[in-house]
Amino acid sequence: MMGILLLILLLLLLGIVPVWPHSRSWGYGPSGLMSVVLIILIFMLLTGRL
């Protein structure tokens, strides 16, 4: 389970890097969303729900 989550997080991290021309105008949206997902996952790990 944890390996799958780490793989998904790695793919999301690669997806938020603005190196492609179509994603340069997205601004902080993708990285902000990734931060929220990471905070939720850390909270779930600390409370033992994951």
C-alpha atoms as a PDB file:
ATOM      1  CA  MET A   1       0.000   0.000   0.000  1.00  0.00           C
ATOM      2  CA  MET A   2       2.753   2.433   0.975  1.00  0.00           C
ATOM      3  CA  GLY A   3       4.724   1.661  -2.203  1.00  0.00           C
ATOM      4  CA  ILE A   4       1.739   2.522  -4.369  1.00  0.00           C
ATOM      5  CA  LEU A   5       1.269   5.834  -2.548  1.00  0.00           C
ATOM      6  CA  LEU A   6       4.942   6.688  -2.959  1.00  0.00           C
ATOM      7  CA  LEU A   7       4.744   5.916  -6.672  1.00  0.00           C
ATOM      8  CA  ILE A   8       1.680   8.152  -7.047  1.00  0.00           C
ATOM      9  CA  LEU A   9       3.410  10.954  -5.140  1.00  0.00           C
ATOM     10  CA  LEU A  10       6.477  10.646  -7.354  1.00  0.00           C
ATOM     11  CA  LEU A  11       4.355  10.849 -10.484  1.00  0.00           C
ATOM     12  CA  LEU A  12       2.518  13.879  -9.125  1.00  0.00           C
ATOM     13  CA  LEU A  13       5.830  15.567  -8.332  1.00  0.00           C
ATOM     14  CA  LEU A  14       6.972  15.016 -11.905  1.00  0.00           C
ATOM     15  CA  GLY A  15       3.662  16.346 -13.174  1.00  0.00           C
ATOM     16  CA  ILE A  16       3.874  19.677 -11.348  1.00  0.00           C
ATOM     17  CA  VAL A  17       7.244  20.669 -12.785  1.00  0.00           C
ATOM     18  CA  PRO A  18       6.466  23.446 -15.303  1.00  0.00           C
ATOM     19  CA  VAL A  19       8.885  22.416 -18.042  1.00  0.00           C
ATOM     20  CA  TRP A  20       6.344  21.750 -20.764  1.00  0.00           C
ATOM     21  CA  PRO A  21       5.021  24.715 -22.778  1.00  0.00           C
ATOM     22  CA  HIS A  22       1.356  23.984 -22.025  1.00  0.00           C
ATOM     23  CA  SER A  23       1.901  23.998 -18.239  1.00  0.00           C
ATOM     24  CA  ARG A  24       3.911  27.189 -17.854  1.00  0.00           C
ATOM     25  CA  SER A  25       0.827  29.343 -17.303  1.00  0.00           C
ATOM     26  CA  TRP A  26      -0.674  27.171 -14.552  1.00  0.00           C
ATOM     27  CA  GLY A  27       1.068  29.094 -11.785  1.00  0.00           C
ATOM     28  CA  TYR A  28       0.973  27.701  -8.249  1.00  0.00           C
ATOM     29  CA  GLY A  29      -2.140  25.565  -8.733  1.00  0.00           C
ATOM     30  CA  PRO A  30      -0.554  22.128  -9.196  1.00  0.00           C
ATOM     31  CA  SER A  31       2.092  22.603  -6.504  1.00  0.00           C
ATOM     32  CA  GLY A  32      -0.518  23.944  -4.079  1.00  0.00           C
ATOM     33  CA  LEU A  33      -2.696  20.916  -4.692  1.00  0.00           C
ATOM     34  CA  MET A  34       0.294  18.638  -4.192  1.00  0.00           C
ATOM     35  CA  SER A  35       1.052  20.350  -0.883  1.00  0.00           C
ATOM     36  CA  VAL A  36      -2.497  19.747   0.333  1.00  0.00           C
ATOM     37  CA  VAL A  37      -2.284  16.068  -0.654  1.00  0.00           C
ATOM     38  CA  LEU A  38       1.031  15.707   1.185  1.00  0.00           C
ATOM     39  CA  ILE A  39      -0.368  17.357   4.322  1.00  0.00           C
ATOM     40  CA  ILE A  40      -3.380  15.029   4.293  1.00  0.00           C
ATOM     41  CA  LEU A  41      -1.159  11.957   3.820  1.00  0.00           C
ATOM     42  CA  ILE A  42       1.182  13.012   6.634  1.00  0.00           C
ATOM     43  CA  PHE A  43      -1.790  13.579   8.915  1.00  0.00           C
ATOM     44  CA  MET A  44      -3.187  10.159   8.045  1.00  0.00           C
ATOM     45  CA  LEU A  45       0.185   8.519   8.698  1.00  0.00           C
ATOM     46  CA  LEU A  46       0.526  10.235  12.070  1.00  0.00           C
ATOM     47  CA  THR A  47      -2.962   9.267  13.203  1.00  0.00           C
ATOM     48  CA  GLY A  48      -2.550   5.661  12.045  1.00  0.00           C
ATOM     49  CA  ARG A  49      -5.333   5.649   9.462  1.00  0.00           C
ATOM     50  CA  LEU A  50      -3.064   4.694   6.611  1.00  0.00           C
END
